[in-house]
Amino acid sequence: MTTHTTDQDQPDQVVVELEGSSSRDADAVLTALGGAFGSDRAPGDIPEDTEGRPTVWSATFDVSDERGKAAPVPLTGPVTLTAQGGYHAVDRLREALTDVFAVHVTGTASGDQEQELQLRLEGK
């Protein structure tokens, strides 16, 4: 018998997507979150520039795997972040982001087991 894993089976997992930012800013946000929670990103995995093409960077964070506080990092411009996961997990991720960035909620979508939250991040 084969067992399939879904996001609902892993309520502490949050999928994060970043767009509309430089690779430097994407790396800053992903590194800050990696300081707070376990992630599927390998150490030294740095987003690369795509020479003017639209790019989305993504990572999955496990908010039950607490690593400490997200470290403050400067941004060169606003970053659009979309977080998708269980309600509690997305809230914990958003709280970690508010420790280091000015966070503005720009959109939400809710389901039975999970939510999607779109945020605009700016430097504090």
N, C-alpha and C. Protein backbone atom coordinates (compact mmCIF):
# COMPACT_ATOMS: atom_id res chain seq x y z
N MET A 1 0.84 -1.17 0.00
CA MET A 1 0.00 0.00 0.00
C MET A 1 0.89 1.24 0.00
N THR A 2 0.62 2.18 -0.86
CA THR A 2 1.38 3.41 -0.97
C THR A 2 0.67 4.51 -0.19
N THR A 3 1.43 5.26 0.59
CA THR A 3 0.89 6.37 1.36
C THR A 3 1.33 7.66 0.71
N HIS A 4 0.39 8.55 0.49
CA HIS A 4 0.70 9.85 -0.08
C HIS A 4 0.70 10.89 1.03
N THR A 5 1.67 11.78 1.01
CA THR A 5 1.76 12.85 2.00
C THR A 5 1.21 14.11 1.36
N THR A 6 0.35 14.79 2.11
CA THR A 6 -0.19 16.06 1.64
C THR A 6 0.16 17.14 2.65
N ASP A 7 -0.06 18.39 2.27
CA ASP A 7 0.19 19.49 3.19
C ASP A 7 -0.66 19.36 4.44
N GLN A 8 -1.86 18.78 4.32
CA GLN A 8 -2.73 18.61 5.47
C GLN A 8 -2.13 17.62 6.47
N ASP A 9 -1.30 16.68 6.00
CA ASP A 9 -0.64 15.72 6.88
C ASP A 9 0.52 16.36 7.63
N GLN A 10 0.97 17.53 7.19
CA GLN A 10 2.10 18.22 7.79
C GLN A 10 1.68 19.65 8.14
N PRO A 11 0.90 19.80 9.22
CA PRO A 11 0.32 21.12 9.53
C PRO A 11 1.33 22.18 9.91
N ASP A 12 2.58 21.79 10.19
CA ASP A 12 3.60 22.77 10.58
C ASP A 12 4.44 23.23 9.40
N GLN A 13 4.15 22.76 8.21
CA GLN A 13 4.90 23.12 7.01
C GLN A 13 4.26 24.34 6.34
N VAL A 14 5.10 25.31 5.97
CA VAL A 14 4.64 26.49 5.23
C VAL A 14 5.48 26.62 3.97
N VAL A 15 4.81 26.67 2.84
CA VAL A 15 5.49 26.90 1.57
C VAL A 15 5.54 28.40 1.36
N VAL A 16 6.75 28.91 1.12
CA VAL A 16 6.97 30.34 0.94
C VAL A 16 7.44 30.58 -0.48
N GLU A 17 6.82 31.55 -1.14
CA GLU A 17 7.25 31.97 -2.48
C GLU A 17 7.53 33.47 -2.44
N LEU A 18 8.65 33.86 -3.05
CA LEU A 18 9.04 35.26 -3.14
C LEU A 18 9.09 35.67 -4.59
N GLU A 19 8.55 36.84 -4.88
CA GLU A 19 8.62 37.34 -6.25
C GLU A 19 8.75 38.85 -6.25
N GLY A 20 9.14 39.37 -7.38
CA GLY A 20 9.25 40.81 -7.53
C GLY A 20 10.36 41.42 -6.72
N SER A 21 11.41 40.66 -6.50
CA SER A 21 12.52 41.18 -5.71
C SER A 21 13.84 40.76 -6.36
N SER A 22 14.89 41.38 -5.89
CA SER A 22 16.21 40.98 -6.37
C SER A 22 16.59 39.65 -5.71
N SER A 23 17.57 38.98 -6.29
CA SER A 23 18.04 37.73 -5.69
C SER A 23 18.64 38.01 -4.31
N ARG A 24 19.23 39.18 -4.15
CA ARG A 24 19.81 39.56 -2.85
C ARG A 24 18.73 39.68 -1.79
N ASP A 25 17.61 40.34 -2.13
CA ASP A 25 16.51 40.47 -1.17
C ASP A 25 15.84 39.12 -0.91
N ALA A 26 15.70 38.31 -1.94
CA ALA A 26 15.13 36.97 -1.75
C ALA A 26 16.00 36.17 -0.79
N ASP A 27 17.30 36.24 -0.98
CA ASP A 27 18.22 35.53 -0.09
C ASP A 27 18.12 36.07 1.33
N ALA A 28 17.99 37.38 1.49
CA ALA A 28 17.88 37.98 2.82
C ALA A 28 16.65 37.45 3.55
N VAL A 29 15.51 37.39 2.87
CA VAL A 29 14.28 36.92 3.51
C VAL A 29 14.38 35.43 3.83
N LEU A 30 14.85 34.63 2.87
CA LEU A 30 14.96 33.18 3.10
C LEU A 30 15.97 32.87 4.20
N THR A 31 17.05 33.63 4.27
CA THR A 31 18.06 33.43 5.31
C THR A 31 17.49 33.82 6.68
N ALA A 32 16.74 34.92 6.74
CA ALA A 32 16.12 35.33 8.01
C ALA A 32 15.17 34.25 8.50
N LEU A 33 14.33 33.73 7.62
CA LEU A 33 13.41 32.66 8.02
C LEU A 33 14.15 31.39 8.40
N GLY A 34 15.24 31.10 7.70
CA GLY A 34 16.05 29.93 8.02
C GLY A 34 16.71 30.02 9.38
N GLY A 35 16.91 31.24 9.87
CA GLY A 35 17.43 31.42 11.21
C GLY A 35 16.39 31.13 12.28
N ALA A 36 15.12 31.17 11.89
CA ALA A 36 14.04 30.94 12.84
C ALA A 36 13.49 29.52 12.79
N PHE A 37 13.46 28.90 11.58
CA PHE A 37 12.81 27.60 11.42
C PHE A 37 13.64 26.69 10.52
N GLY A 38 13.44 25.40 10.68
CA GLY A 38 14.04 24.43 9.78
C GLY A 38 13.48 24.62 8.38
N SER A 39 14.26 24.27 7.37
CA SER A 39 13.87 24.51 5.99
C SER A 39 14.39 23.41 5.09
N ASP A 40 13.81 23.34 3.89
CA ASP A 40 14.31 22.40 2.89
C ASP A 40 15.46 23.00 2.08
N ARG A 41 15.84 24.25 2.39
CA ARG A 41 16.97 24.88 1.70
C ARG A 41 18.28 24.36 2.25
N ALA A 42 19.17 24.02 1.38
CA ALA A 42 20.50 23.57 1.79
C ALA A 42 21.33 24.78 2.22
N PRO A 43 22.21 24.60 3.20
CA PRO A 43 23.10 25.70 3.57
C PRO A 43 23.88 26.17 2.34
N GLY A 44 23.98 27.47 2.17
CA GLY A 44 24.70 28.01 1.02
C GLY A 44 23.88 28.06 -0.26
N ASP A 45 22.59 27.67 -0.20
CA ASP A 45 21.71 27.73 -1.37
C ASP A 45 21.28 29.18 -1.55
N ILE A 46 21.93 29.86 -2.48
CA ILE A 46 21.69 31.28 -2.70
C ILE A 46 20.90 31.48 -3.99
N PRO A 47 19.78 32.23 -3.92
CA PRO A 47 19.02 32.51 -5.14
C PRO A 47 19.89 33.21 -6.17
N GLU A 48 19.71 32.85 -7.43
CA GLU A 48 20.50 33.44 -8.51
C GLU A 48 19.65 34.41 -9.32
N ASP A 49 20.30 35.46 -9.83
CA ASP A 49 19.62 36.40 -10.72
C ASP A 49 19.28 35.70 -12.02
N THR A 50 18.19 36.14 -12.63
CA THR A 50 17.75 35.53 -13.89
C THR A 50 17.74 36.52 -15.04
N GLU A 51 18.55 37.54 -14.94
CA GLU A 51 18.77 38.50 -16.02
C GLU A 51 17.48 39.09 -16.58
N GLY A 52 16.69 39.70 -15.70
CA GLY A 52 15.51 40.43 -16.15
C GLY A 52 14.26 39.59 -16.35
N ARG A 53 14.36 38.29 -16.26
CA ARG A 53 13.17 37.45 -16.41
C ARG A 53 12.43 37.36 -15.07
N PRO A 54 11.10 37.28 -15.10
CA PRO A 54 10.35 37.12 -13.85
C PRO A 54 10.78 35.82 -13.16
N THR A 55 10.98 35.91 -11.86
CA THR A 55 11.46 34.76 -11.10
C THR A 55 10.68 34.63 -9.81
N VAL A 56 10.40 33.40 -9.42
CA VAL A 56 9.80 33.10 -8.12
C VAL A 56 10.75 32.17 -7.39
N TRP A 57 11.14 32.56 -6.19
CA TRP A 57 11.99 31.71 -5.36
C TRP A 57 11.09 31.07 -4.32
N SER A 58 11.34 29.81 -3.98
CA SER A 58 10.48 29.14 -3.00
C SER A 58 11.29 28.29 -2.04
N ALA A 59 10.69 28.05 -0.89
CA ALA A 59 11.27 27.18 0.14
C ALA A 59 10.13 26.74 1.04
N THR A 60 10.33 25.63 1.72
CA THR A 60 9.36 25.14 2.68
C THR A 60 9.99 25.23 4.07
N PHE A 61 9.24 25.79 5.01
CA PHE A 61 9.72 25.95 6.38
C PHE A 61 8.84 25.15 7.33
N ASP A 62 9.47 24.55 8.33
CA ASP A 62 8.78 23.77 9.35
C ASP A 62 8.80 24.59 10.64
N VAL A 63 7.65 25.18 10.98
CA VAL A 63 7.62 26.08 12.14
C VAL A 63 7.70 25.33 13.47
N SER A 64 7.57 24.00 13.45
CA SER A 64 7.75 23.23 14.68
C SER A 64 9.23 23.01 14.97
N ASP A 65 10.09 23.25 13.97
CA ASP A 65 11.55 23.10 14.11
C ASP A 65 12.15 24.48 14.36
N GLU A 66 11.96 24.99 15.59
CA GLU A 66 12.41 26.34 15.92
C GLU A 66 13.93 26.37 16.07
N ARG A 67 14.54 27.36 15.43
CA ARG A 67 15.99 27.51 15.45
C ARG A 67 16.44 28.74 16.22
N GLY A 68 15.53 29.61 16.56
CA GLY A 68 15.86 30.86 17.22
C GLY A 68 15.06 31.98 16.61
N LYS A 69 15.55 33.18 16.75
CA LYS A 69 14.87 34.34 16.17
C LYS A 69 15.43 34.64 14.79
N ALA A 70 14.56 35.11 13.91
CA ALA A 70 15.01 35.56 12.60
C ALA A 70 15.92 36.77 12.81
N ALA A 71 17.02 36.79 12.11
CA ALA A 71 17.98 37.88 12.24
C ALA A 71 17.59 39.06 11.35
N PRO A 72 17.68 40.28 11.87
CA PRO A 72 17.37 41.45 11.05
C PRO A 72 18.32 41.56 9.86
N VAL A 73 17.75 41.84 8.71
CA VAL A 73 18.54 42.01 7.48
C VAL A 73 17.96 43.18 6.69
N PRO A 74 18.81 43.94 6.03
CA PRO A 74 18.30 45.05 5.22
C PRO A 74 17.75 44.55 3.88
N LEU A 75 16.79 45.27 3.35
CA LEU A 75 16.25 44.99 2.01
C LEU A 75 16.50 46.21 1.14
N THR A 76 16.74 45.97 -0.15
CA THR A 76 16.94 47.09 -1.07
C THR A 76 15.62 47.62 -1.61
N GLY A 77 14.54 46.86 -1.43
CA GLY A 77 13.22 47.25 -1.89
C GLY A 77 12.18 46.32 -1.32
N PRO A 78 10.90 46.61 -1.58
CA PRO A 78 9.85 45.75 -1.07
C PRO A 78 9.90 44.35 -1.69
N VAL A 79 9.48 43.36 -0.90
CA VAL A 79 9.45 41.97 -1.35
C VAL A 79 8.03 41.45 -1.18
N THR A 80 7.51 40.77 -2.20
CA THR A 80 6.20 40.13 -2.11
C THR A 80 6.42 38.68 -1.73
N LEU A 81 5.79 38.28 -0.63
CA LEU A 81 5.92 36.92 -0.12
C LEU A 81 4.54 36.30 -0.02
N THR A 82 4.40 35.08 -0.52
CA THR A 82 3.18 34.31 -0.36
C THR A 82 3.50 33.11 0.51
N ALA A 83 2.69 32.92 1.57
CA ALA A 83 2.87 31.80 2.49
C ALA A 83 1.62 30.94 2.43
N GLN A 84 1.81 29.63 2.29
CA GLN A 84 0.67 28.71 2.22
C GLN A 84 0.91 27.54 3.17
N GLY A 85 -0.06 27.29 4.04
CA GLY A 85 0.04 26.19 4.98
C GLY A 85 -1.10 26.25 5.97
N GLY A 86 -0.99 25.46 7.03
CA GLY A 86 -2.00 25.45 8.08
C GLY A 86 -2.10 26.82 8.74
N TYR A 87 -3.26 27.11 9.30
CA TYR A 87 -3.49 28.42 9.90
C TYR A 87 -2.45 28.77 10.96
N HIS A 88 -2.23 27.88 11.90
CA HIS A 88 -1.28 28.13 12.98
C HIS A 88 0.14 28.32 12.43
N ALA A 89 0.53 27.49 11.48
CA ALA A 89 1.87 27.56 10.92
C ALA A 89 2.10 28.88 10.18
N VAL A 90 1.14 29.30 9.38
CA VAL A 90 1.27 30.56 8.64
C VAL A 90 1.34 31.74 9.61
N ASP A 91 0.54 31.69 10.68
CA ASP A 91 0.58 32.77 11.68
C ASP A 91 1.95 32.84 12.35
N ARG A 92 2.54 31.69 12.68
CA ARG A 92 3.86 31.68 13.33
C ARG A 92 4.93 32.23 12.39
N LEU A 93 4.83 31.89 11.12
CA LEU A 93 5.79 32.40 10.15
C LEU A 93 5.65 33.92 10.02
N ARG A 94 4.42 34.40 9.95
CA ARG A 94 4.18 35.85 9.85
C ARG A 94 4.73 36.57 11.08
N GLU A 95 4.54 36.00 12.27
CA GLU A 95 5.06 36.60 13.49
C GLU A 95 6.59 36.70 13.46
N ALA A 96 7.24 35.67 12.96
CA ALA A 96 8.70 35.69 12.85
C ALA A 96 9.14 36.79 11.90
N LEU A 97 8.41 36.98 10.82
CA LEU A 97 8.75 38.03 9.85
C LEU A 97 8.59 39.42 10.45
N THR A 98 7.57 39.61 11.31
CA THR A 98 7.35 40.94 11.89
C THR A 98 8.46 41.33 12.87
N ASP A 99 9.24 40.36 13.32
CA ASP A 99 10.38 40.68 14.19
C ASP A 99 11.48 41.41 13.42
N VAL A 100 11.55 41.21 12.11
CA VAL A 100 12.68 41.77 11.35
C VAL A 100 12.29 42.68 10.19
N PHE A 101 11.04 42.63 9.77
CA PHE A 101 10.59 43.43 8.64
C PHE A 101 9.31 44.18 9.00
N ALA A 102 9.03 45.25 8.26
CA ALA A 102 7.70 45.85 8.29
C ALA A 102 6.84 44.96 7.39
N VAL A 103 5.78 44.39 7.94
CA VAL A 103 4.96 43.40 7.23
C VAL A 103 3.57 43.98 7.00
N HIS A 104 3.12 43.95 5.74
CA HIS A 104 1.80 44.42 5.36
C HIS A 104 1.06 43.29 4.68
N VAL A 105 -0.11 42.91 5.19
CA VAL A 105 -0.93 41.87 4.57
C VAL A 105 -1.61 42.49 3.36
N THR A 106 -1.39 41.88 2.19
CA THR A 106 -1.98 42.41 0.96
C THR A 106 -3.05 41.49 0.37
N GLY A 107 -3.18 40.28 0.93
CA GLY A 107 -4.21 39.37 0.44
C GLY A 107 -4.27 38.10 1.26
N THR A 108 -5.45 37.50 1.31
CA THR A 108 -5.63 36.23 2.01
C THR A 108 -6.61 35.36 1.24
N ALA A 109 -6.44 34.07 1.39
CA ALA A 109 -7.40 33.08 0.87
C ALA A 109 -7.45 31.97 1.90
N SER A 110 -8.66 31.56 2.26
CA SER A 110 -8.81 30.56 3.31
C SER A 110 -9.50 29.31 2.79
N GLY A 111 -9.07 28.18 3.33
CA GLY A 111 -9.70 26.90 3.04
C GLY A 111 -10.04 26.21 4.34
N ASP A 112 -10.46 24.95 4.26
CA ASP A 112 -10.82 24.19 5.47
C ASP A 112 -9.62 23.97 6.37
N GLN A 113 -8.50 23.56 5.80
CA GLN A 113 -7.34 23.16 6.58
C GLN A 113 -6.15 24.11 6.46
N GLU A 114 -6.16 24.97 5.47
CA GLU A 114 -5.00 25.83 5.28
C GLU A 114 -5.40 27.18 4.74
N GLN A 115 -4.44 28.07 4.79
CA GLN A 115 -4.66 29.42 4.27
C GLN A 115 -3.48 29.85 3.41
N GLU A 116 -3.75 30.83 2.58
CA GLU A 116 -2.70 31.46 1.80
C GLU A 116 -2.70 32.92 2.20
N LEU A 117 -1.52 33.44 2.48
CA LEU A 117 -1.38 34.81 2.93
C LEU A 117 -0.35 35.49 2.06
N GLN A 118 -0.72 36.63 1.48
CA GLN A 118 0.23 37.39 0.68
C GLN A 118 0.65 38.61 1.49
N LEU A 119 1.97 38.79 1.57
CA LEU A 119 2.56 39.86 2.38
C LEU A 119 3.48 40.71 1.54
N ARG A 120 3.58 41.96 1.94
CA ARG A 120 4.59 42.86 1.37
C ARG A 120 5.56 43.16 2.51
N LEU A 121 6.83 42.84 2.29
CA LEU A 121 7.86 43.04 3.30
C LEU A 121 8.70 44.25 2.92
N GLU A 122 9.01 45.06 3.93
CA GLU A 122 9.89 46.20 3.74
C GLU A 122 10.85 46.24 4.92
N GLY A 123 11.99 46.87 4.73
CA GLY A 123 12.94 47.02 5.82
C GLY A 123 12.37 47.89 6.92
N LYS A 124 12.80 47.61 8.14
CA LYS A 124 12.34 48.43 9.28
C LYS A 124 13.20 49.66 9.42
